[in-house]
Amino acid sequence: MSRRTDVDGPESGLVGSGYPRPDKLSATLKMFAQKQPDWSALIGVAPFFAFAAVMMIAPTVALVADAFVNRQGQLTLKNFVDLNTPEVVAAFAESIKISSASAVLGALIGLGLALVVGRGVSNSRVRSIVMTFCGVASNFSGVPLAFAFIATLGRLGLVTTALNTIAGVDIYDAGFDLASFWGLTITYLFFQIPITITIMMPAIDGLRREWREAAAILGARSWHYWRYIGLPVLWPSLLGTLALLLRIPSVPLRRPTPSPATR
């Protein structure tokens, strides 16, 4: 076993031994030691840090602090004990059910539509229109989304009134309720499906057609291709999308009805 003797230094003149030159190393250390902060860059990002402190950090700190304080301002753990009440448990259970249903349905429907657009649509203009709509619809959430569905499928909404006037069909008499489990699930699906399409499209573009052709040449059927090639490639993106969709509606969606004892 040969011993390495080619020390890369200014006196040796050898290059490529893997060791940094002492003169270059000392110059690098001096540069970092003498480097001053870029005050112009810090001033430029100062509004962002101020916004983050006011809109994110301060509310989080206040929320954590209020969790351990009662209405009289005394330290207590009763707020955590009250989480075990039937009303709070029912609200969280309803929220988890709606989150799970909308996430799974949104991921499956979005994946199917993304496969149709990514693998079946060759017209770049149509694909551009679909992706533009998904980009807009995926950000259409919160209060605007709630107002849009109330104005569309509420008891006096446009679609509800039109169906009752034209076809004589009252969807609320038939059992539909926008504030019910399926009503809220459909509301969340409106922007969860576009989110899935937007996230899954790059992963679908990564499926090379040569892989499908090679699998067909080797005698693999369509099911084998998706089982052993397609889904393993798409699985990381699909799992990340599912985790994102599961988190979005995971808040208490319905106001708990007070029990007779607390009225």
Foldseek 3Di string as FASTA:
>chain_A
DDDDDQDDEPVNPDPDPPDDYPVVVVVVVVCVVPDDDDVVVVVVCVVVVVCCCVPPVVVVVVVVVVCQADPVGDGHNVSVVVCPDPLNVVLLVLLLVLLLVLLVVLLVLLVVVLCCLQPPDPDPVVSVVLLVVLVVQLPCDDPNLVVVCCCDVNQPHPVQVVCCVPVVDHVVVVPDDCLDSVNVSVSLSRNLSSVNSNQQNVLSNVDDPVLVVVCVVVPHDPVRCCVPPVCVSRVVSSVVSSVVSSPVSSDRDDRGDDDPVVD
